[in-house]
Amino acid sequence: MKKIHLIRHGKSSWKDGSLSDHDRPLNKRGVKSCRIMAPHIQQAGCTFQHVYCSTAVRAESTIEHISLCLPGMDIHWQRDPALYTFSTHALFSWFRQLDEALTEVVVIGHNPALTDFCNQVSMSDIENLPTCSYAQLHFDGSWKDLSTNSVELVCLLKPKQFRTLDQP
């Protein structure tokens, strides 16, 4: 069985209008959501093996903050320019080229690509994967055969589910 862990980047700041979309950092809520979500993502079974991250500042900051909140784990990630995408088609292509020896991957990326990808592969009807949300998908088969309705959505976590448990 293969597992896909999708994490949408945390809420980004629009404060500095001179920054490109790629260079926008997380805002305070984005950092807080990482802190809230990190233990829940781990408890859901994410081992943070084979972590791939969009090159966008907000995506890399998301995995950095999650990593800081899980000090017992030694989380490493690879930045991949192909994951700075908003296209479901591009995500399908990215997954299909993975080494078959990998049984579990974590992707930190962007919408609408993540929501659309999740819905297409699992035939789910998720309206939106909010910032810093997490989805876990399972499937049997090879990466190259990943297709519509070939995957089971087994877990979906959103920061809003846990905010009342973690008041500052």
Foldseek 3Di string as FASTA:
>chain_A
DAKEKEWEFFAWDCPDVVDDQLATARDPRRLVLLLQCLVVSVVVPDLQPAEEEESRNRQVVSVVSSCVNCVVHDHDYHYDNLQADADLVSVLVVQLPDDQVHRYYYYYHHPPNVVVNVCFQQVDDDPDQDHRKMWMKDADDGSNPRGGNRIHTDDIGHSVVCDVVDDD
